[in-house]
All heavy atoms as atom14 arrays in JSON, in Angstrom:
{
  "sequence": "YLKNKLGLSDSALSKQLSTLEDGGYVETERRLDGARHKVRAKLTP",
  "atom14_mask": [
    [1, 1, 1, 1, 1, 1, 1, 1, 1, 1, 1, 1, 0, 0],
    [1, 1, 1, 1, 1, 1, 1, 1, 0, 0, 0, 0, 0, 0],
    [1, 1, 1, 1, 1, 1, 1, 1, 1, 0, 0, 0, 0, 0],
    [1, 1, 1, 1, 1, 1, 1, 1, 0, 0, 0, 0, 0, 0],
    [1, 1, 1, 1, 1, 1, 1, 1, 1, 0, 0, 0, 0, 0],
    [1, 1, 1, 1, 1, 1, 1, 1, 0, 0, 0, 0, 0, 0],
    [1, 1, 1, 1, 0, 0, 0, 0, 0, 0, 0, 0, 0, 0],
    [1, 1, 1, 1, 1, 1, 1, 1, 0, 0, 0, 0, 0, 0],
    [1, 1, 1, 1, 1, 1, 0, 0, 0, 0, 0, 0, 0, 0],
    [1, 1, 1, 1, 1, 1, 1, 1, 0, 0, 0, 0, 0, 0],
    [1, 1, 1, 1, 1, 1, 0, 0, 0, 0, 0, 0, 0, 0],
    [1, 1, 1, 1, 1, 0, 0, 0, 0, 0, 0, 0, 0, 0],
    [1, 1, 1, 1, 1, 1, 1, 1, 0, 0, 0, 0, 0, 0],
    [1, 1, 1, 1, 1, 1, 0, 0, 0, 0, 0, 0, 0, 0],
    [1, 1, 1, 1, 1, 1, 1, 1, 1, 0, 0, 0, 0, 0],
    [1, 1, 1, 1, 1, 1, 1, 1, 1, 0, 0, 0, 0, 0],
    [1, 1, 1, 1, 1, 1, 1, 1, 0, 0, 0, 0, 0, 0],
    [1, 1, 1, 1, 1, 1, 0, 0, 0, 0, 0, 0, 0, 0],
    [1, 1, 1, 1, 1, 1, 1, 0, 0, 0, 0, 0, 0, 0],
    [1, 1, 1, 1, 1, 1, 1, 1, 0, 0, 0, 0, 0, 0],
    [1, 1, 1, 1, 1, 1, 1, 1, 1, 0, 0, 0, 0, 0],
    [1, 1, 1, 1, 1, 1, 1, 1, 0, 0, 0, 0, 0, 0],
    [1, 1, 1, 1, 0, 0, 0, 0, 0, 0, 0, 0, 0, 0],
    [1, 1, 1, 1, 0, 0, 0, 0, 0, 0, 0, 0, 0, 0],
    [1, 1, 1, 1, 1, 1, 1, 1, 1, 1, 1, 1, 0, 0],
    [1, 1, 1, 1, 1, 1, 1, 0, 0, 0, 0, 0, 0, 0],
    [1, 1, 1, 1, 1, 1, 1, 1, 1, 0, 0, 0, 0, 0],
    [1, 1, 1, 1, 1, 1, 1, 0, 0, 0, 0, 0, 0, 0],
    [1, 1, 1, 1, 1, 1, 1, 1, 1, 0, 0, 0, 0, 0],
    [1, 1, 1, 1, 1, 1, 1, 1, 1, 1, 1, 0, 0, 0],
    [1, 1, 1, 1, 1, 1, 1, 1, 1, 1, 1, 0, 0, 0],
    [1, 1, 1, 1, 1, 1, 1, 1, 0, 0, 0, 0, 0, 0],
    [1, 1, 1, 1, 1, 1, 1, 1, 0, 0, 0, 0, 0, 0],
    [1, 1, 1, 1, 0, 0, 0, 0, 0, 0, 0, 0, 0, 0],
    [1, 1, 1, 1, 1, 0, 0, 0, 0, 0, 0, 0, 0, 0],
    [1, 1, 1, 1, 1, 1, 1, 1, 1, 1, 1, 0, 0, 0],
    [1, 1, 1, 1, 1, 1, 1, 1, 1, 1, 0, 0, 0, 0],
    [1, 1, 1, 1, 1, 1, 1, 1, 1, 0, 0, 0, 0, 0],
    [1, 1, 1, 1, 1, 1, 1, 0, 0, 0, 0, 0, 0, 0],
    [1, 1, 1, 1, 1, 1, 1, 1, 1, 1, 1, 0, 0, 0],
    [1, 1, 1, 1, 1, 0, 0, 0, 0, 0, 0, 0, 0, 0],
    [1, 1, 1, 1, 1, 1, 1, 1, 1, 0, 0, 0, 0, 0],
    [1, 1, 1, 1, 1, 1, 1, 1, 0, 0, 0, 0, 0, 0],
    [1, 1, 1, 1, 1, 1, 1, 0, 0, 0, 0, 0, 0, 0],
    [1, 1, 1, 1, 1, 1, 1, 0, 0, 0, 0, 0, 0, 0]
  ],
  "atom14_positions": [
    [[-3.31, 1.34, 30.2], [-2.18, 1.48, 31.11], [-0.94, 1.94, 30.36], [-0.24, 2.87, 30.79], [-1.91, 0.14, 31.82], [-0.63, 0.16, 32.63], [-0.59, 0.77, 33.87], [0.53, -0.42, 32.12], [0.6, 0.82, 34.6], [1.72, -0.38, 32.84], [1.74, 0.24, 34.08], [2.92, 0.29, 34.79], [0.0, 0.0, 0.0], [0.0, 0.0, 0.0]],
    [[-0.64, 1.3, 29.23], [0.53, 1.67, 28.44], [0.43, 3.11, 27.94], [1.4, 3.86, 27.99], [0.69, 0.71, 27.25], [1.01, -0.73, 27.6], [0.87, -1.62, 26.37], [2.4, -0.85, 28.23], [0.0, 0.0, 0.0], [0.0, 0.0, 0.0], [0.0, 0.0, 0.0], [0.0, 0.0, 0.0], [0.0, 0.0, 0.0], [0.0, 0.0, 0.0]],
    [[-0.75, 3.47, 27.49], [-0.99, 4.83, 26.99], [-0.69, 5.86, 28.08], [0.02, 6.85, 27.84], [-2.43, 4.94, 26.52], [-2.82, 6.29, 26.01], [-4.3, 6.31, 25.64], [-4.78, 7.74, 25.55], [-6.2, 7.84, 25.29], [0.0, 0.0, 0.0], [0.0, 0.0, 0.0], [0.0, 0.0, 0.0], [0.0, 0.0, 0.0], [0.0, 0.0, 0.0]],
    [[-1.21, 5.63, 29.27], [-0.99, 6.58, 30.37], [0.45, 6.56, 30.87], [1.03, 7.62, 31.11], [-1.95, 6.27, 31.53], [-3.38, 6.59, 31.18], [-3.66, 7.45, 30.35], [-4.31, 5.87, 31.79], [0.0, 0.0, 0.0], [0.0, 0.0, 0.0], [0.0, 0.0, 0.0], [0.0, 0.0, 0.0], [0.0, 0.0, 0.0], [0.0, 0.0, 0.0]],
    [[1.03, 5.4, 31.01], [2.4, 5.27, 31.52], [3.41, 5.94, 30.59], [4.35, 6.6, 31.05], [2.75, 3.8, 31.69], [4.18, 3.52, 32.04], [4.31, 2.9, 33.38], [5.73, 2.49, 33.65], [6.29, 3.17, 34.77], [0.0, 0.0, 0.0], [0.0, 0.0, 0.0], [0.0, 0.0, 0.0], [0.0, 0.0, 0.0], [0.0, 0.0, 0.0]],
    [[3.19, 5.78, 29.28], [4.15, 6.31, 28.32], [3.77, 7.7, 27.79], [4.56, 8.33, 27.08], [4.29, 5.33, 27.14], [4.75, 3.93, 27.55], [4.67, 2.99, 26.37], [6.15, 3.97, 28.14], [0.0, 0.0, 0.0], [0.0, 0.0, 0.0], [0.0, 0.0, 0.0], [0.0, 0.0, 0.0], [0.0, 0.0, 0.0], [0.0, 0.0, 0.0]],
    [[2.57, 8.17, 28.13], [2.14, 9.49, 27.69], [1.94, 9.59, 26.18], [2.28, 10.6, 25.57], [0.0, 0.0, 0.0], [0.0, 0.0, 0.0], [0.0, 0.0, 0.0], [0.0, 0.0, 0.0], [0.0, 0.0, 0.0], [0.0, 0.0, 0.0], [0.0, 0.0, 0.0], [0.0, 0.0, 0.0], [0.0, 0.0, 0.0], [0.0, 0.0, 0.0]],
    [[1.39, 8.53, 25.59], [1.19, 8.48, 24.15], [-0.28, 8.62, 23.79], [-1.15, 8.28, 24.59], [1.7, 7.15, 23.59], [3.19, 6.87, 23.75], [3.52, 5.46, 23.29], [4.01, 7.89, 22.96], [0.0, 0.0, 0.0], [0.0, 0.0, 0.0], [0.0, 0.0, 0.0], [0.0, 0.0, 0.0], [0.0, 0.0, 0.0], [0.0, 0.0, 0.0]],
    [[-0.53, 9.08, 22.58], [-1.91, 9.09, 22.08], [-2.28, 7.68, 21.65], [-1.41, 6.81, 21.51], [-2.01, 10.03, 20.86], [-1.25, 9.51, 19.78], [0.0, 0.0, 0.0], [0.0, 0.0, 0.0], [0.0, 0.0, 0.0], [0.0, 0.0, 0.0], [0.0, 0.0, 0.0], [0.0, 0.0, 0.0], [0.0, 0.0, 0.0], [0.0, 0.0, 0.0]],
    [[-3.56, 7.45, 21.44], [-4.01, 6.14, 20.96], [-3.3, 5.75, 19.67], [-2.81, 4.63, 19.53], [-5.53, 6.14, 20.7], [-6.35, 6.14, 21.97], [-5.78, 6.05, 23.07], [-7.59, 6.23, 21.86], [0.0, 0.0, 0.0], [0.0, 0.0, 0.0], [0.0, 0.0, 0.0], [0.0, 0.0, 0.0], [0.0, 0.0, 0.0], [0.0, 0.0, 0.0]],
    [[-3.24, 6.69, 18.73], [-2.65, 6.37, 17.43], [-1.16, 6.12, 17.53], [-0.63, 5.22, 16.87], [-2.95, 7.47, 16.4], [-2.39, 8.7, 16.81], [0.0, 0.0, 0.0], [0.0, 0.0, 0.0], [0.0, 0.0, 0.0], [0.0, 0.0, 0.0], [0.0, 0.0, 0.0], [0.0, 0.0, 0.0], [0.0, 0.0, 0.0], [0.0, 0.0, 0.0]],
    [[-0.46, 6.89, 18.35], [0.99, 6.69, 18.51], [1.29, 5.33, 19.14], [2.19, 4.62, 18.7], [1.6, 7.81, 19.33], [0.0, 0.0, 0.0], [0.0, 0.0, 0.0], [0.0, 0.0, 0.0], [0.0, 0.0, 0.0], [0.0, 0.0, 0.0], [0.0, 0.0, 0.0], [0.0, 0.0, 0.0], [0.0, 0.0, 0.0], [0.0, 0.0, 0.0]],
    [[0.53, 4.98, 20.16], [0.73, 3.68, 20.81], [0.38, 2.54, 19.86], [1.13, 1.56, 19.76], [-0.08, 3.58, 22.1], [0.04, 2.25, 22.85], [1.49, 1.9, 23.16], [-0.79, 2.3, 24.13], [0.0, 0.0, 0.0], [0.0, 0.0, 0.0], [0.0, 0.0, 0.0], [0.0, 0.0, 0.0], [0.0, 0.0, 0.0], [0.0, 0.0, 0.0]],
    [[-0.7, 2.67, 19.13], [-1.09, 1.65, 18.17], [0.0, 1.44, 17.13], [0.32, 0.3, 16.77], [-2.39, 2.03, 17.46], [-3.47, 1.97, 18.35], [0.0, 0.0, 0.0], [0.0, 0.0, 0.0], [0.0, 0.0, 0.0], [0.0, 0.0, 0.0], [0.0, 0.0, 0.0], [0.0, 0.0, 0.0], [0.0, 0.0, 0.0], [0.0, 0.0, 0.0]],
    [[0.57, 2.53, 16.65], [1.63, 2.44, 15.64], [2.85, 1.71, 16.2], [3.42, 0.84, 15.53], [2.02, 3.84, 15.17], [3.11, 3.83, 14.13], [3.48, 5.22, 13.69], [4.63, 5.15, 12.68], [5.05, 6.45, 12.23], [0.0, 0.0, 0.0], [0.0, 0.0, 0.0], [0.0, 0.0, 0.0], [0.0, 0.0, 0.0], [0.0, 0.0, 0.0]],
    [[3.25, 2.04, 17.41], [4.42, 1.4, 18.01], [4.17, -0.08, 18.28], [5.03, -0.93, 18.04], [4.84, 2.12, 19.3], [5.23, 3.57, 19.11], [6.3, 3.78, 18.07], [7.21, 2.97, 17.89], [6.21, 4.89, 17.35], [0.0, 0.0, 0.0], [0.0, 0.0, 0.0], [0.0, 0.0, 0.0], [0.0, 0.0, 0.0], [0.0, 0.0, 0.0]],
    [[2.98, -0.4, 18.77], [2.64, -1.8, 19.0], [2.64, -2.59, 17.69], [3.14, -3.71, 17.62], [1.29, -1.93, 19.7], [1.27, -1.56, 21.19], [-0.17, -1.52, 21.7], [2.1, -2.54, 22.01], [0.0, 0.0, 0.0], [0.0, 0.0, 0.0], [0.0, 0.0, 0.0], [0.0, 0.0, 0.0], [0.0, 0.0, 0.0], [0.0, 0.0, 0.0]],
    [[2.08, -1.98, 16.64], [2.05, -2.65, 15.33], [3.45, -2.9, 14.8], [3.74, -3.98, 14.26], [1.27, -1.8, 14.32], [-0.09, -1.78, 14.65], [0.0, 0.0, 0.0], [0.0, 0.0, 0.0], [0.0, 0.0, 0.0], [0.0, 0.0, 0.0], [0.0, 0.0, 0.0], [0.0, 0.0, 0.0], [0.0, 0.0, 0.0], [0.0, 0.0, 0.0]],
    [[4.33, -1.92, 14.95], [5.71, -2.08, 14.49], [6.39, -3.22, 15.23], [7.05, -4.07, 14.62], [6.5, -0.76, 14.71], [5.88, 0.27, 13.93], [7.95, -0.91, 14.3], [0.0, 0.0, 0.0], [0.0, 0.0, 0.0], [0.0, 0.0, 0.0], [0.0, 0.0, 0.0], [0.0, 0.0, 0.0], [0.0, 0.0, 0.0], [0.0, 0.0, 0.0]],
    [[6.22, -3.26, 16.54], [6.83, -4.33, 17.34], [6.18, -5.68, 17.06], [6.85, -6.71, 17.05], [6.76, -3.98, 18.83], [7.64, -2.8, 19.24], [7.26, -2.31, 20.64], [9.12, -3.19, 19.2], [0.0, 0.0, 0.0], [0.0, 0.0, 0.0], [0.0, 0.0, 0.0], [0.0, 0.0, 0.0], [0.0, 0.0, 0.0], [0.0, 0.0, 0.0]],
    [[4.88, -5.67, 16.8], [4.19, -6.92, 16.49], [4.64, -7.44, 15.12], [4.9, -8.64, 14.96], [2.67, -6.69, 16.51], [1.87, -7.97, 16.5], [0.41, -7.74, 16.83], [-0.13, -6.63, 16.58], [-0.21, -8.68, 17.36], [0.0, 0.0, 0.0], [0.0, 0.0, 0.0], [0.0, 0.0, 0.0], [0.0, 0.0, 0.0], [0.0, 0.0, 0.0]],
    [[4.81, -6.54, 14.15], [5.3, -6.94, 12.83], [6.7, -7.53, 12.92], [7.06, -8.42, 12.13], [5.31, -5.75, 11.86], [3.91, -5.31, 11.46], [2.93, -6.05, 11.71], [3.79, -4.19, 10.91], [0.0, 0.0, 0.0], [0.0, 0.0, 0.0], [0.0, 0.0, 0.0], [0.0, 0.0, 0.0], [0.0, 0.0, 0.0], [0.0, 0.0, 0.0]],
    [[7.49, -7.05, 13.87], [8.84, -7.55, 14.08], [8.9, -8.84, 14.88], [9.97, -9.41, 15.09], [0.0, 0.0, 0.0], [0.0, 0.0, 0.0], [0.0, 0.0, 0.0], [0.0, 0.0, 0.0], [0.0, 0.0, 0.0], [0.0, 0.0, 0.0], [0.0, 0.0, 0.0], [0.0, 0.0, 0.0], [0.0, 0.0, 0.0], [0.0, 0.0, 0.0]],
    [[7.74, -9.28, 15.38], [7.68, -10.51, 16.16], [8.04, -10.34, 17.63], [8.23, -11.31, 18.35], [0.0, 0.0, 0.0], [0.0, 0.0, 0.0], [0.0, 0.0, 0.0], [0.0, 0.0, 0.0], [0.0, 0.0, 0.0], [0.0, 0.0, 0.0], [0.0, 0.0, 0.0], [0.0, 0.0, 0.0], [0.0, 0.0, 0.0], [0.0, 0.0, 0.0]],
    [[8.11, -9.09, 18.09], [8.53, -8.81, 19.47], [7.37, -8.67, 20.44], [7.56, -8.77, 21.65], [9.37, -7.54, 19.53], [10.74, -7.66, 18.92], [11.58, -6.57, 18.86], [11.21, -8.86, 18.4], [12.85, -6.66, 18.31], [12.48, -8.96, 17.85], [13.29, -7.86, 17.81], [14.54, -7.96, 17.27], [0.0, 0.0, 0.0], [0.0, 0.0, 0.0]],
    [[6.18, -8.41, 19.93], [5.01, -8.16, 20.77], [3.83, -8.96, 20.21], [3.69, -9.12, 19.01], [4.66, -6.65, 20.81], [3.29, -6.39, 21.41], [5.72, -5.88, 21.58], [0.0, 0.0, 0.0], [0.0, 0.0, 0.0], [0.0, 0.0, 0.0], [0.0, 0.0, 0.0], [0.0, 0.0, 0.0], [0.0, 0.0, 0.0], [0.0, 0.0, 0.0]],
    [[3.01, -9.43, 21.12], [1.74, -10.06, 20.76], [0.64, -9.21, 21.36], [0.73, -8.78, 22.51], [1.69, -11.47, 21.35], [0.39, -12.19, 21.11], [0.36, -13.56, 21.79], [1.42, -14.12, 22.1], [-0.76, -14.05, 22.03], [0.0, 0.0, 0.0], [0.0, 0.0, 0.0], [0.0, 0.0, 0.0], [0.0, 0.0, 0.0], [0.0, 0.0, 0.0]],
    [[-0.39, -8.93, 20.57], [-1.54, -8.2, 21.11], [-2.76, -9.1, 21.09], [-2.84, -10.04, 20.31], [-1.84, -6.92, 20.3], [-2.09, -7.25, 18.95], [-0.7, -5.92, 20.41], [0.0, 0.0, 0.0], [0.0, 0.0, 0.0], [0.0, 0.0, 0.0], [0.0, 0.0, 0.0], [0.0, 0.0, 0.0], [0.0, 0.0, 0.0], [0.0, 0.0, 0.0]],
    [[-3.67, -8.77, 21.96], [-4.92, -9.52, 22.06], [-6.06, -8.52, 22.2], [-5.99, -7.62, 23.04], [-4.86, -10.44, 23.3], [-6.1, -11.24, 23.54], [-5.97, -12.09, 24.79], [-5.47, -13.21, 24.69], [-6.38, -11.6, 25.88], [0.0, 0.0, 0.0], [0.0, 0.0, 0.0], [0.0, 0.0, 0.0], [0.0, 0.0, 0.0], [0.0, 0.0, 0.0]],
    [[-7.05, -8.68, 21.36], [-8.24, -7.83, 21.42], [-9.37, -8.68, 21.97], [-9.62, -9.77, 21.48], [-8.57, -7.32, 20.03], [-7.59, -6.27, 19.55], [-7.5, -6.21, 18.04], [-6.53, -5.24, 17.58], [-5.21, -5.44, 17.54], [-4.7, -6.58, 17.96], [-4.39, -4.51, 17.12], [0.0, 0.0, 0.0], [0.0, 0.0, 0.0], [0.0, 0.0, 0.0]],
    [[-10.04, -8.15, 22.99], [-11.13, -8.91, 23.6], [-12.28, -7.98, 23.93], [-12.09, -6.77, 24.08], [-10.65, -9.67, 24.83], [-10.0, -8.84, 25.88], [-9.25, -9.69, 26.9], [-8.45, -8.84, 27.76], [-8.91, -8.2, 28.82], [-10.15, -8.33, 29.2], [-8.12, -7.43, 29.53], [0.0, 0.0, 0.0], [0.0, 0.0, 0.0], [0.0, 0.0, 0.0]],
    [[-13.44, -8.57, 24.03], [-14.64, -7.81, 24.35], [-14.84, -7.84, 25.86], [-14.84, -8.9, 26.47], [-15.84, -8.42, 23.63], [-17.11, -7.61, 23.6], [-16.88, -6.25, 22.94], [-18.19, -8.37, 22.84], [0.0, 0.0, 0.0], [0.0, 0.0, 0.0], [0.0, 0.0, 0.0], [0.0, 0.0, 0.0], [0.0, 0.0, 0.0], [0.0, 0.0, 0.0]],
    [[-14.98, -6.65, 26.45], [-15.23, -6.53, 27.89], [-16.54, -5.75, 28.03], [-16.54, -4.53, 27.97], [-14.07, -5.81, 28.56], [-14.23, -5.73, 30.07], [-15.03, -6.49, 30.64], [-13.53, -4.9, 30.7], [0.0, 0.0, 0.0], [0.0, 0.0, 0.0], [0.0, 0.0, 0.0], [0.0, 0.0, 0.0], [0.0, 0.0, 0.0], [0.0, 0.0, 0.0]],
    [[-17.63, -6.48, 28.18], [-18.94, -5.83, 28.17], [-19.21, -5.37, 26.75], [-19.14, -6.14, 25.81], [0.0, 0.0, 0.0], [0.0, 0.0, 0.0], [0.0, 0.0, 0.0], [0.0, 0.0, 0.0], [0.0, 0.0, 0.0], [0.0, 0.0, 0.0], [0.0, 0.0, 0.0], [0.0, 0.0, 0.0], [0.0, 0.0, 0.0], [0.0, 0.0, 0.0]],
    [[-19.45, -4.08, 26.6], [-19.72, -3.53, 25.28], [-18.46, -2.91, 24.66], [-18.51, -2.36, 23.57], [-20.81, -2.47, 25.38], [0.0, 0.0, 0.0], [0.0, 0.0, 0.0], [0.0, 0.0, 0.0], [0.0, 0.0, 0.0], [0.0, 0.0, 0.0], [0.0, 0.0, 0.0], [0.0, 0.0, 0.0], [0.0, 0.0, 0.0], [0.0, 0.0, 0.0]],
    [[-17.33, -2.96, 25.38], [-16.12, -2.3, 24.92], [-15.06, -3.31, 24.5], [-14.89, -4.34, 25.12], [-15.55, -1.43, 26.04], [-16.56, -0.41, 26.54], [-15.97, 0.45, 27.59], [-15.11, 1.43, 26.92], [-14.32, 2.26, 27.55], [-14.25, 2.24, 28.85], [-13.6, 3.13, 26.89], [0.0, 0.0, 0.0], [0.0, 0.0, 0.0], [0.0, 0.0, 0.0]],
    [[-14.36, -2.95, 23.46], [-13.2, -3.75, 23.04], [-11.99, -3.27, 23.8], [-11.76, -2.06, 23.92], [-12.96, -3.6, 21.53], [-13.95, -4.35, 20.7], [-13.83, -5.69, 20.44], [-15.09, -3.94, 20.09], [-14.85, -6.08, 19.7], [-15.64, -5.03, 19.48], [0.0, 0.0, 0.0], [0.0, 0.0, 0.0], [0.0, 0.0, 0.0], [0.0, 0.0, 0.0]],
    [[-11.23, -4.2, 24.33], [-10.0, -3.85, 25.05], [-8.84, -4.55, 24.37], [-8.96, -5.66, 23.87], [-10.09, -4.28, 26.5], [-11.07, -3.46, 27.3], [-10.76, -3.51, 28.75], [-11.63, -2.51, 29.49], [-11.26, -2.41, 30.87], [0.0, 0.0, 0.0], [0.0, 0.0, 0.0], [0.0, 0.0, 0.0], [0.0, 0.0, 0.0], [0.0, 0.0, 0.0]],
    [[-7.72, -3.87, 24.37], [-6.5, -4.4, 23.78], [-5.48, -4.52, 24.89], [-5.36, -3.66, 25.76], [-5.96, -3.46, 22.68], [-4.63, -3.95, 22.13], [-6.98, -3.31, 21.56], [0.0, 0.0, 0.0], [0.0, 0.0, 0.0], [0.0, 0.0, 0.0], [0.0, 0.0, 0.0], [0.0, 0.0, 0.0], [0.0, 0.0, 0.0], [0.0, 0.0, 0.0]],
    [[-4.75, -5.63, 24.85], [-3.64, -5.79, 25.77], [-2.47, -6.34, 24.98], [-2.63, -6.87, 23.87], [-3.99, -6.66, 26.96], [-4.34, -8.09, 26.65], [-4.75, -8.81, 27.92], [-4.83, -10.26, 27.67], [-4.75, -11.17, 28.6], [-4.6, -10.8, 29.87], [-4.81, -12.45, 28.31], [0.0, 0.0, 0.0], [0.0, 0.0, 0.0], [0.0, 0.0, 0.0]],
    [[-1.26, -6.2, 25.54], [-0.06, -6.61, 24.82], [0.9, -7.29, 25.78], [0.87, -7.07, 26.99], [0.6, -5.38, 24.21], [0.0, 0.0, 0.0], [0.0, 0.0, 0.0], [0.0, 0.0, 0.0], [0.0, 0.0, 0.0], [0.0, 0.0, 0.0], [0.0, 0.0, 0.0], [0.0, 0.0, 0.0], [0.0, 0.0, 0.0], [0.0, 0.0, 0.0]],
    [[1.76, -8.12, 25.18], [2.84, -8.75, 25.95], [4.03, -8.96, 25.02], [3.89, -9.01, 23.79], [2.4, -10.06, 26.56], [2.25, -11.21, 25.58], [1.98, -12.51, 26.33], [1.92, -13.68, 25.36], [1.8, -14.94, 26.1], [0.0, 0.0, 0.0], [0.0, 0.0, 0.0], [0.0, 0.0, 0.0], [0.0, 0.0, 0.0], [0.0, 0.0, 0.0]],
    [[5.2, -9.1, 25.64], [6.39, -9.44, 24.87], [6.34, -10.9, 24.48], [5.91, -11.74, 25.27], [7.66, -9.21, 25.7], [8.17, -7.8, 25.85], [9.48, -7.8, 26.65], [8.38, -7.12, 24.52], [0.0, 0.0, 0.0], [0.0, 0.0, 0.0], [0.0, 0.0, 0.0], [0.0, 0.0, 0.0], [0.0, 0.0, 0.0], [0.0, 0.0, 0.0]],
    [[6.79, -11.2, 23.3], [6.97, -12.59, 22.89], [8.33, -13.05, 23.43], [9.15, -12.22, 23.87], [6.97, -12.71, 21.36], [8.1, -11.98, 20.85], [5.68, -12.2, 20.75], [0.0, 0.0, 0.0], [0.0, 0.0, 0.0], [0.0, 0.0, 0.0], [0.0, 0.0, 0.0], [0.0, 0.0, 0.0], [0.0, 0.0, 0.0], [0.0, 0.0, 0.0]],
    [[8.6, -14.34, 23.41], [9.94, -14.79, 23.8], [11.03, -14.12, 22.96], [12.08, -13.73, 23.5], [9.88, -16.3, 23.57], [8.43, -16.65, 23.81], [7.68, -15.48, 23.21], [0.0, 0.0, 0.0], [0.0, 0.0, 0.0], [0.0, 0.0, 0.0], [0.0, 0.0, 0.0], [0.0, 0.0, 0.0], [0.0, 0.0, 0.0], [0.0, 0.0, 0.0]]
  ]
}
């Protein structure tokens, strides 16, 4: 959803999420959905 909404590539979105996660602003969660890994994100307090 984030990739499509923001018009970013996988790598560009991953980089931005990592930067925000390193700063303590975002939390990501990787989970298995069937045979596929899915990533989701949320803002931290």
